[in-house]
Amino acid sequence: MYRIDIVANKSVESEIMDAIEQYIPNLQYTLISEVCGKGKRDRKLGTVTWPELNFTVFSYVDQDEMRCLSELIKAIKEKFPNEGIKFFVTGVTLS
């Protein structure tokens, strides 16, 4: 089992979520729709000075779902290369 985290500019939230719903309709996930933070290039703080925001979605998935999500995010990153789309995978051990 894996934990996946997707973090991206709020401007691509619907693109990413629509793709997830289309290709993995039974995926259970948590969506945090407004996330503030600082990346390598700039800040997303939802303020007058730094007006943009990010969003994040995370889920616990099996290997097939993780691979599918990885390919989905790769394709979306190619379409929107400047939106700071990040995909993280962490292995999870169940006891």
PDB file of N, CA and C in Angstrom:
ATOM      1  N   MET A   1       0.839  -1.170   0.000  1.00  0.00           N
ATOM      2  CA  MET A   1       0.000   0.000   0.000  1.00  0.00           C
ATOM      3  C   MET A   1       0.886   1.236   0.000  1.00  0.00           C
ATOM      4  N   TYR A   2       0.389   2.281  -0.650  1.00  0.00           N
ATOM      5  CA  TYR A   2       1.139   3.527  -0.792  1.00  0.00           C
ATOM      6  C   TYR A   2       0.258   4.711  -0.402  1.00  0.00           C
ATOM      7  N   ARG A   3       0.902   5.745   0.108  1.00  0.00           N
ATOM      8  CA  ARG A   3       0.216   7.016   0.285  1.00  0.00           C
ATOM      9  C   ARG A   3       0.683   7.914  -0.850  1.00  0.00           C
ATOM     10  N   ILE A   4      -0.277   8.497  -1.564  1.00  0.00           N
ATOM     11  CA  ILE A   4       0.079   9.446  -2.610  1.00  0.00           C
ATOM     12  C   ILE A   4      -0.389  10.824  -2.172  1.00  0.00           C
ATOM     13  N   ASP A   5       0.408  11.812  -2.501  1.00  0.00           N
ATOM     14  CA  ASP A   5       0.067  13.216  -2.248  1.00  0.00           C
ATOM     15  C   ASP A   5       0.245  13.969  -3.556  1.00  0.00           C
ATOM     16  N   ILE A   6      -0.757  14.727  -3.919  1.00  0.00           N
ATOM     17  CA  ILE A   6      -0.684  15.600  -5.083  1.00  0.00           C
ATOM     18  C   ILE A   6      -0.834  17.021  -4.576  1.00  0.00           C
ATOM     19  N   VAL A   7       0.090  17.882  -4.941  1.00  0.00           N
ATOM     20  CA  VAL A   7       0.040  19.302  -4.581  1.00  0.00           C
ATOM     21  C   VAL A   7       0.188  20.087  -5.865  1.00  0.00           C
ATOM     22  N   ALA A   8      -0.693  21.069  -6.057  1.00  0.00           N
ATOM     23  CA  ALA A   8      -0.629  21.850  -7.291  1.00  0.00           C
ATOM     24  C   ALA A   8      -1.347  23.182  -7.104  1.00  0.00           C
ATOM     25  N   ASN A   9      -1.132  24.072  -8.066  1.00  0.00           N
ATOM     26  CA  ASN A   9      -1.820  25.349  -8.090  1.00  0.00           C
ATOM     27  C   ASN A   9      -3.322  25.110  -8.186  1.00  0.00           C
ATOM     28  N   LYS A  10      -4.085  25.896  -7.483  1.00  0.00           N
ATOM     29  CA  LYS A  10      -5.547  25.766  -7.468  1.00  0.00           C
ATOM     30  C   LYS A  10      -6.139  25.851  -8.876  1.00  0.00           C
ATOM     31  N   SER A  11      -5.464  26.516  -9.786  1.00  0.00           N
ATOM     32  CA  SER A  11      -5.966  26.683 -11.147  1.00  0.00           C
ATOM     33  C   SER A  11      -6.121  25.364 -11.906  1.00  0.00           C
ATOM     34  N   VAL A  12      -5.438  24.302 -11.477  1.00  0.00           N
ATOM     35  CA  VAL A  12      -5.554  23.009 -12.154  1.00  0.00           C
ATOM     36  C   VAL A  12      -6.292  21.971 -11.309  1.00  0.00           C
ATOM     37  N   GLU A  13      -6.897  22.406 -10.230  1.00  0.00           N
ATOM     38  CA  GLU A  13      -7.607  21.469  -9.347  1.00  0.00           C
ATOM     39  C   GLU A  13      -8.685  20.687 -10.101  1.00  0.00           C
ATOM     40  N   SER A  14      -9.534  21.376 -10.848  1.00  0.00           N
ATOM     41  CA  SER A  14     -10.626  20.670 -11.539  1.00  0.00           C
ATOM     42  C   SER A  14     -10.082  19.711 -12.596  1.00  0.00           C
ATOM     43  N   GLU A  15      -9.023  20.078 -13.283  1.00  0.00           N
ATOM     44  CA  GLU A  15      -8.404  19.202 -14.288  1.00  0.00           C
ATOM     45  C   GLU A  15      -7.930  17.904 -13.640  1.00  0.00           C
ATOM     46  N   ILE A  16      -7.252  18.025 -12.518  1.00  0.00           N
ATOM     47  CA  ILE A  16      -6.719  16.847 -11.829  1.00  0.00           C
ATOM     48  C   ILE A  16      -7.844  16.012 -11.227  1.00  0.00           C
ATOM     49  N   MET A  17      -8.779  16.646 -10.547  1.00  0.00           N
ATOM     50  CA  MET A  17      -9.852  15.901  -9.908  1.00  0.00           C
ATOM     51  C   MET A  17     -10.766  15.236 -10.936  1.00  0.00           C
ATOM     52  N   ASP A  18     -11.029  15.902 -12.045  1.00  0.00           N
ATOM     53  CA  ASP A  18     -11.841  15.296 -13.104  1.00  0.00           C
ATOM     54  C   ASP A  18     -11.159  14.057 -13.679  1.00  0.00           C
ATOM     55  N   ALA A  19      -9.838  14.131 -13.870  1.00  0.00           N
ATOM     56  CA  ALA A  19      -9.093  12.986 -14.392  1.00  0.00           C
ATOM     57  C   ALA A  19      -9.130  11.822 -13.407  1.00  0.00           C
ATOM     58  N   ILE A  20      -8.965  12.110 -12.130  1.00  0.00           N
ATOM     59  CA  ILE A  20      -9.032  11.054 -11.113  1.00  0.00           C
ATOM     60  C   ILE A  20     -10.411  10.397 -11.135  1.00  0.00           C
ATOM     61  N   GLU A  21     -11.465  11.214 -11.143  1.00  0.00           N
ATOM     62  CA  GLU A  21     -12.831  10.674 -11.154  1.00  0.00           C
ATOM     63  C   GLU A  21     -13.101   9.853 -12.411  1.00  0.00           C
ATOM     64  N   GLN A  22     -12.531  10.248 -13.529  1.00  0.00           N
ATOM     65  CA  GLN A  22     -12.755   9.535 -14.780  1.00  0.00           C
ATOM     66  C   GLN A  22     -12.017   8.190 -14.816  1.00  0.00           C
ATOM     67  N   TYR A  23     -10.747   8.175 -14.398  1.00  0.00           N
ATOM     68  CA  TYR A  23      -9.925   6.988 -14.562  1.00  0.00           C
ATOM     69  C   TYR A  23      -9.893   6.065 -13.342  1.00  0.00           C
ATOM     70  N   ILE A  24     -10.180   6.606 -12.157  1.00  0.00           N
ATOM     71  CA  ILE A  24     -10.230   5.782 -10.939  1.00  0.00           C
ATOM     72  C   ILE A  24     -11.472   6.212 -10.152  1.00  0.00           C
ATOM     73  N   PRO A  25     -12.665   5.910 -10.674  1.00  0.00           N
ATOM     74  CA  PRO A  25     -13.899   6.444 -10.085  1.00  0.00           C
ATOM     75  C   PRO A  25     -14.174   6.002  -8.646  1.00  0.00           C
ATOM     76  N   ASN A  26     -13.606   4.896  -8.218  1.00  0.00           N
ATOM     77  CA  ASN A  26     -13.857   4.414  -6.853  1.00  0.00           C
ATOM     78  C   ASN A  26     -12.767   4.815  -5.867  1.00  0.00           C
ATOM     79  N   LEU A  27     -11.853   5.664  -6.287  1.00  0.00           N
ATOM     80  CA  LEU A  27     -10.768   6.088  -5.406  1.00  0.00           C
ATOM     81  C   LEU A  27     -11.325   6.861  -4.217  1.00  0.00           C
ATOM     82  N   GLN A  28     -10.878   6.498  -3.052  1.00  0.00           N
ATOM     83  CA  GLN A  28     -11.214   7.245  -1.832  1.00  0.00           C
ATOM     84  C   GLN A  28     -10.043   8.180  -1.547  1.00  0.00           C
ATOM     85  N   TYR A  29     -10.342   9.444  -1.287  1.00  0.00           N
ATOM     86  CA  TYR A  29      -9.277  10.426  -1.105  1.00  0.00           C
ATOM     87  C   TYR A  29      -9.742  11.534  -0.166  1.00  0.00           C
ATOM     88  N   THR A  30      -8.793  12.326   0.260  1.00  0.00           N
ATOM     89  CA  THR A  30      -9.067  13.541   1.019  1.00  0.00           C
ATOM     90  C   THR A  30      -8.552  14.708   0.197  1.00  0.00           C
ATOM     91  N   LEU A  31      -9.408  15.700   0.006  1.00  0.00           N
ATOM     92  CA  LEU A  31      -9.069  16.905  -0.746  1.00  0.00           C
ATOM     93  C   LEU A  31      -9.045  18.085   0.211  1.00  0.00           C
ATOM     94  N   ILE A  32      -7.943  18.802   0.208  1.00  0.00           N
ATOM     95  CA  ILE A  32      -7.840  20.054   0.954  1.00  0.00           C
ATOM     96  C   ILE A  32      -7.752  21.136  -0.107  1.00  0.00           C
ATOM     97  N   SER A  33      -8.834  21.886  -0.244  1.00  0.00           N
ATOM     98  CA  SER A  33      -9.023  22.737  -1.409  1.00  0.00           C
ATOM     99  C   SER A  33      -8.216  24.039  -1.393  1.00  0.00           C
ATOM    100  N   GLU A  34      -7.869  24.541  -0.240  1.00  0.00           N
ATOM    101  CA  GLU A  34      -7.066  25.768  -0.176  1.00  0.00           C
ATOM    102  C   GLU A  34      -5.868  25.558   0.740  1.00  0.00           C
ATOM    103  N   VAL A  35      -4.692  25.521   0.122  1.00  0.00           N
ATOM    104  CA  VAL A  35      -3.455  25.257   0.848  1.00  0.00           C
ATOM    105  C   VAL A  35      -2.474  26.384   0.579  1.00  0.00           C
ATOM    106  N   CYS A  36      -1.919  26.919   1.633  1.00  0.00           N
ATOM    107  CA  CYS A  36      -0.887  27.961   1.520  1.00  0.00           C
ATOM    108  C   CYS A  36       0.481  27.306   1.630  1.00  0.00           C
ATOM    109  N   GLY A  37       1.482  27.946   1.012  1.00  0.00           N
ATOM    110  CA  GLY A  37       2.825  27.405   1.132  1.00  0.00           C
ATOM    111  C   GLY A  37       3.830  28.165   0.305  1.00  0.00           C
ATOM    112  N   LYS A  38       5.070  27.729   0.424  1.00  0.00           N
ATOM    113  CA  LYS A  38       6.181  28.328  -0.307  1.00  0.00           C
ATOM    114  C   LYS A  38       6.939  27.215  -1.008  1.00  0.00           C
ATOM    115  N   GLY A  39       7.108  27.367  -2.318  1.00  0.00           N
ATOM    116  CA  GLY A  39       7.853  26.386  -3.097  1.00  0.00           C
ATOM    117  C   GLY A  39       9.202  26.934  -3.507  1.00  0.00           C
ATOM    118  N   LYS A  40       9.816  26.290  -4.495  1.00  0.00           N
ATOM    119  CA  LYS A  40      11.129  26.723  -4.972  1.00  0.00           C
ATOM    120  C   LYS A  40      11.080  28.084  -5.649  1.00  0.00           C
ATOM    121  N   ARG A  41       9.987  28.336  -6.404  1.00  0.00           N
ATOM    122  CA  ARG A  41       9.930  29.561  -7.203  1.00  0.00           C
ATOM    123  C   ARG A  41       9.145  30.700  -6.560  1.00  0.00           C
ATOM    124  N   ASP A  42       8.066  30.387  -5.862  1.00  0.00           N
ATOM    125  CA  ASP A  42       7.257  31.467  -5.302  1.00  0.00           C
ATOM    126  C   ASP A  42       6.392  30.968  -4.163  1.00  0.00           C
ATOM    127  N   ARG A  43       5.560  31.872  -3.670  1.00  0.00           N
ATOM    128  CA  ARG A  43       4.687  31.569  -2.549  1.00  0.00           C
ATOM    129  C   ARG A  43       3.240  31.563  -3.009  1.00  0.00           C
ATOM    130  N   LYS A  44       2.456  30.746  -2.357  1.00  0.00           N
ATOM    131  CA  LYS A  44       1.013  30.692  -2.577  1.00  0.00           C
ATOM    132  C   LYS A  44       0.383  30.892  -1.205  1.00  0.00           C
ATOM    133  N   LEU A  45       0.025  32.133  -0.901  1.00  0.00           N
ATOM    134  CA  LEU A  45      -0.431  32.453   0.445  1.00  0.00           C
ATOM    135  C   LEU A  45      -1.842  33.028   0.506  1.00  0.00           C
ATOM    136  N   GLY A  46      -2.468  33.271  -0.636  1.00  0.00           N
ATOM    137  CA  GLY A  46      -3.826  33.804  -0.638  1.00  0.00           C
ATOM    138  C   GLY A  46      -3.924  35.211  -0.077  1.00  0.00           C
ATOM    139  N   THR A  47      -2.843  35.991  -0.211  1.00  0.00           N
ATOM    140  CA  THR A  47      -2.825  37.362   0.295  1.00  0.00           C
ATOM    141  C   THR A  47      -2.752  38.334  -0.881  1.00  0.00           C
ATOM    142  N   VAL A  48      -2.813  39.617  -0.583  1.00  0.00           N
ATOM    143  CA  VAL A  48      -2.690  40.618  -1.641  1.00  0.00           C
ATOM    144  C   VAL A  48      -1.332  40.514  -2.317  1.00  0.00           C
ATOM    145  N   THR A  49      -0.297  40.303  -1.534  1.00  0.00           N
ATOM    146  CA  THR A  49       1.053  40.211  -2.081  1.00  0.00           C
ATOM    147  C   THR A  49       1.283  38.887  -2.817  1.00  0.00           C
ATOM    148  N   TRP A  50       0.812  37.799  -2.262  1.00  0.00           N
ATOM    149  CA  TRP A  50       0.961  36.456  -2.840  1.00  0.00           C
ATOM    150  C   TRP A  50      -0.438  35.842  -2.977  1.00  0.00           C
ATOM    151  N   PRO A  51      -1.190  36.241  -4.016  1.00  0.00           N
ATOM    152  CA  PRO A  51      -2.615  35.917  -4.074  1.00  0.00           C
ATOM    153  C   PRO A  51      -2.982  34.475  -4.426  1.00  0.00           C
ATOM    154  N   GLU A  52      -2.110  33.735  -5.037  1.00  0.00           N
ATOM    155  CA  GLU A  52      -2.479  32.389  -5.468  1.00  0.00           C
ATOM    156  C   GLU A  52      -2.541  31.413  -4.291  1.00  0.00           C
ATOM    157  N   LEU A  53      -3.229  30.289  -4.528  1.00  0.00           N
ATOM    158  CA  LEU A  53      -3.323  29.215  -3.547  1.00  0.00           C
ATOM    159  C   LEU A  53      -3.032  27.885  -4.230  1.00  0.00           C
ATOM    160  N   ASN A  54      -2.636  26.922  -3.450  1.00  0.00           N
ATOM    161  CA  ASN A  54      -2.497  25.550  -3.909  1.00  0.00           C
ATOM    162  C   ASN A  54      -3.674  24.743  -3.389  1.00  0.00           C
ATOM    163  N   PHE A  55      -3.734  23.485  -3.801  1.00  0.00           N
ATOM    164  CA  PHE A  55      -4.631  22.505  -3.208  1.00  0.00           C
ATOM    165  C   PHE A  55      -3.822  21.232  -3.050  1.00  0.00           C
ATOM    166  N   THR A  56      -4.311  20.327  -2.234  1.00  0.00           N
ATOM    167  CA  THR A  56      -3.658  19.027  -2.101  1.00  0.00           C
ATOM    168  C   THR A  56      -4.715  17.942  -1.992  1.00  0.00           C
ATOM    169  N   VAL A  57      -4.378  16.795  -2.479  1.00  0.00           N
ATOM    170  CA  VAL A  57      -5.229  15.615  -2.351  1.00  0.00           C
ATOM    171  C   VAL A  57      -4.321  14.464  -1.954  1.00  0.00           C
ATOM    172  N   PHE A  58      -4.790  13.642  -0.999  1.00  0.00           N
ATOM    173  CA  PHE A  58      -4.010  12.463  -0.648  1.00  0.00           C
ATOM    174  C   PHE A  58      -4.918  11.252  -0.539  1.00  0.00           C
ATOM    175  N   SER A  59      -4.297  10.095  -0.722  1.00  0.00           N
ATOM    176  CA  SER A  59      -5.046   8.847  -0.697  1.00  0.00           C
ATOM    177  C   SER A  59      -4.099   7.701  -0.389  1.00  0.00           C
ATOM    178  N   TYR A  60      -4.663   6.628   0.101  1.00  0.00           N
ATOM    179  CA  TYR A  60      -3.917   5.383   0.300  1.00  0.00           C
ATOM    180  C   TYR A  60      -4.369   4.423  -0.790  1.00  0.00           C
ATOM    181  N   VAL A  61      -3.415   3.945  -1.593  1.00  0.00           N
ATOM    182  CA  VAL A  61      -3.745   3.217  -2.810  1.00  0.00           C
ATOM    183  C   VAL A  61      -2.885   1.956  -2.943  1.00  0.00           C
ATOM    184  N   ASP A  62      -3.356   1.050  -3.792  1.00  0.00           N
ATOM    185  CA  ASP A  62      -2.537  -0.118  -4.113  1.00  0.00           C
ATOM    186  C   ASP A  62      -1.583   0.230  -5.252  1.00  0.00           C
ATOM    187  N   GLN A  63      -0.760  -0.712  -5.642  1.00  0.00           N
ATOM    188  CA  GLN A  63       0.277  -0.444  -6.643  1.00  0.00           C
ATOM    189  C   GLN A  63      -0.316  -0.063  -8.003  1.00  0.00           C
ATOM    190  N   ASP A  64      -1.379  -0.720  -8.423  1.00  0.00           N
ATOM    191  CA  ASP A  64      -1.992  -0.397  -9.712  1.00  0.00           C
ATOM    192  C   ASP A  64      -2.563   1.022  -9.721  1.00  0.00           C
ATOM    193  N   GLU A  65      -3.237   1.397  -8.643  1.00  0.00           N
ATOM    194  CA  GLU A  65      -3.783   2.757  -8.549  1.00  0.00           C
ATOM    195  C   GLU A  65      -2.668   3.792  -8.517  1.00  0.00           C
ATOM    196  N   MET A  66      -1.588   3.480  -7.805  1.00  0.00           N
ATOM    197  CA  MET A  66      -0.455   4.406  -7.729  1.00  0.00           C
ATOM    198  C   MET A  66       0.150   4.630  -9.112  1.00  0.00           C
ATOM    199  N   ARG A  67       0.294   3.566  -9.873  1.00  0.00           N
ATOM    200  CA  ARG A  67       0.854   3.686 -11.227  1.00  0.00           C
ATOM    201  C   ARG A  67      -0.076   4.486 -12.134  1.00  0.00           C
ATOM    202  N   CYS A  68      -1.374   4.235 -12.044  1.00  0.00           N
ATOM    203  CA  CYS A  68      -2.352   4.973 -12.845  1.00  0.00           C
ATOM    204  C   CYS A  68      -2.314   6.462 -12.494  1.00  0.00           C
ATOM    205  N   LEU A  69      -2.297   6.763 -11.207  1.00  0.00           N
ATOM    206  CA  LEU A  69      -2.231   8.164 -10.773  1.00  0.00           C
ATOM    207  C   LEU A  69      -0.941   8.825 -11.239  1.00  0.00           C
ATOM    208  N   SER A  70       0.141   8.096 -11.168  1.00  0.00           N
ATOM    209  CA  SER A  70       1.422   8.639 -11.616  1.00  0.00           C
ATOM    210  C   SER A  70       1.365   9.025 -13.093  1.00  0.00           C
ATOM    211  N   GLU A  71       0.778   8.171 -13.914  1.00  0.00           N
ATOM    212  CA  GLU A  71       0.649   8.463 -15.348  1.00  0.00           C
ATOM    213  C   GLU A  71      -0.304   9.634 -15.594  1.00  0.00           C
ATOM    214  N   LEU A  72      -1.409   9.684 -14.853  1.00  0.00           N
ATOM    215  CA  LEU A  72      -2.348  10.808 -14.983  1.00  0.00           C
ATOM    216  C   LEU A  72      -1.653  12.132 -14.677  1.00  0.00           C
ATOM    217  N   ILE A  73      -0.938  12.171 -13.574  1.00  0.00           N
ATOM    218  CA  ILE A  73      -0.279  13.415 -13.158  1.00  0.00           C
ATOM    219  C   ILE A  73       0.824  13.777 -14.142  1.00  0.00           C
ATOM    220  N   LYS A  74       1.539  12.802 -14.633  1.00  0.00           N
ATOM    221  CA  LYS A  74       2.584  13.072 -15.632  1.00  0.00           C
ATOM    222  C   LYS A  74       1.983  13.746 -16.866  1.00  0.00           C
ATOM    223  N   ALA A  75       0.860  13.245 -17.343  1.00  0.00           N
ATOM    224  CA  ALA A  75       0.202  13.823 -18.526  1.00  0.00           C
ATOM    225  C   ALA A  75      -0.297  15.239 -18.247  1.00  0.00           C
ATOM    226  N   ILE A  76      -0.851  15.451 -17.070  1.00  0.00           N
ATOM    227  CA  ILE A  76      -1.354  16.790 -16.724  1.00  0.00           C
ATOM    228  C   ILE A  76      -0.194  17.765 -16.552  1.00  0.00           C
ATOM    229  N   LYS A  77       0.923  17.309 -15.980  1.00  0.00           N
ATOM    230  CA  LYS A  77       2.107  18.168 -15.847  1.00  0.00           C
ATOM    231  C   LYS A  77       2.626  18.610 -17.212  1.00  0.00           C
ATOM    232  N   GLU A  78       2.559  17.722 -18.192  1.00  0.00           N
ATOM    233  CA  GLU A  78       2.999  18.089 -19.540  1.00  0.00           C
ATOM    234  C   GLU A  78       2.084  19.149 -20.148  1.00  0.00           C
ATOM    235  N   LYS A  79       0.806  19.067 -19.843  1.00  0.00           N
ATOM    236  CA  LYS A  79      -0.172  20.032 -20.350  1.00  0.00           C
ATOM    237  C   LYS A  79      -0.056  21.382 -19.645  1.00  0.00           C
ATOM    238  N   PHE A  80       0.296  21.356 -18.350  1.00  0.00           N
ATOM    239  CA  PHE A  80       0.404  22.573 -17.535  1.00  0.00           C
ATOM    240  C   PHE A  80       1.769  22.598 -16.838  1.00  0.00           C
ATOM    241  N   PRO A  81       2.849  22.860 -17.576  1.00  0.00           N
ATOM    242  CA  PRO A  81       4.192  22.746 -16.992  1.00  0.00           C
ATOM    243  C   PRO A  81       4.549  23.813 -15.958  1.00  0.00           C
ATOM    244  N   ASN A  82       3.798  24.896 -15.882  1.00  0.00           N
ATOM    245  CA  ASN A  82       4.152  25.991 -14.963  1.00  0.00           C
ATOM    246  C   ASN A  82       3.236  26.098 -13.756  1.00  0.00           C
ATOM    247  N   GLU A  83       2.495  25.050 -13.436  1.00  0.00           N
ATOM    248  CA  GLU A  83       1.538  25.116 -12.335  1.00  0.00           C
ATOM    249  C   GLU A  83       2.015  24.412 -11.073  1.00  0.00           C
ATOM    250  N   GLY A  84       3.281  24.075 -11.014  1.00  0.00           N
ATOM    251  CA  GLY A  84       3.862  23.518  -9.789  1.00  0.00           C
ATOM    252  C   GLY A  84       3.237  22.211  -9.348  1.00  0.00           C
ATOM    253  N   ILE A  85       2.864  21.366 -10.286  1.00  0.00           N
ATOM    254  CA  ILE A  85       2.202  20.107  -9.951  1.00  0.00           C
ATOM    255  C   ILE A  85       3.247  19.116  -9.429  1.00  0.00           C
ATOM    256  N   LYS A  86       3.004  18.631  -8.221  1.00  0.00           N
ATOM    257  CA  LYS A  86       3.920  17.678  -7.587  1.00  0.00           C
ATOM    258  C   LYS A  86       3.154  16.418  -7.211  1.00  0.00           C
ATOM    259  N   PHE A  87       3.823  15.270  -7.344  1.00  0.00           N
ATOM    260  CA  PHE A  87       3.247  13.978  -7.022  1.00  0.00           C
ATOM    261  C   PHE A  87       4.235  13.237  -6.137  1.00  0.00           C
ATOM    262  N   PHE A  88       3.817  12.897  -4.933  1.00  0.00           N
ATOM    263  CA  PHE A  88       4.687  12.223  -3.969  1.00  0.00           C
ATOM    264  C   PHE A  88       4.105  10.852  -3.631  1.00  0.00           C
ATOM    265  N   VAL A  89       4.972   9.873  -3.474  1.00  0.00           N
ATOM    266  CA  VAL A  89       4.557   8.528  -3.105  1.00  0.00           C
ATOM    267  C   VAL A  89       5.376   8.090  -1.893  1.00  0.00           C
ATOM    268  N   THR A  90       4.673   7.555  -0.908  1.00  0.00           N
ATOM    269  CA  THR A  90       5.319   7.028   0.290  1.00  0.00           C
ATOM    270  C   THR A  90       4.831   5.597   0.500  1.00  0.00           C
ATOM    271  N   GLY A  91       5.742   4.679   0.716  1.00  0.00           N
ATOM    272  CA  GLY A  91       5.358   3.319   1.034  1.00  0.00           C
ATOM    273  C   GLY A  91       4.796   3.262   2.445  1.00  0.00           C
ATOM    274  N   VAL A  92       3.765   2.465   2.629  1.00  0.00           N
ATOM    275  CA  VAL A  92       3.114   2.350   3.929  1.00  0.00           C
ATOM    276  C   VAL A  92       3.139   0.883   4.340  1.00  0.00           C
ATOM    277  N   THR A  93       3.558   0.609   5.557  1.00  0.00           N
ATOM    278  CA  THR A  93       3.554  -0.743   6.075  1.00  0.00           C
ATOM    279  C   THR A  93       2.375  -0.895   7.018  1.00  0.00           C
ATOM    280  N   LEU A  94       1.582  -1.919   6.776  1.00  0.00           N
ATOM    281  CA  LEU A  94       0.445  -2.206   7.643  1.00  0.00           C
ATOM    282  C   LEU A  94       0.822  -3.319   8.603  1.00  0.00           C
ATOM    283  N   SER A  95       0.438  -3.171   9.848  1.00  0.00           N
ATOM    284  CA  SER A  95       0.765  -4.224  10.818  1.00  0.00           C
ATOM    285  C   SER A  95      -0.406  -5.134  11.061  1.00  0.00           C
TER     286      SER A  95
END
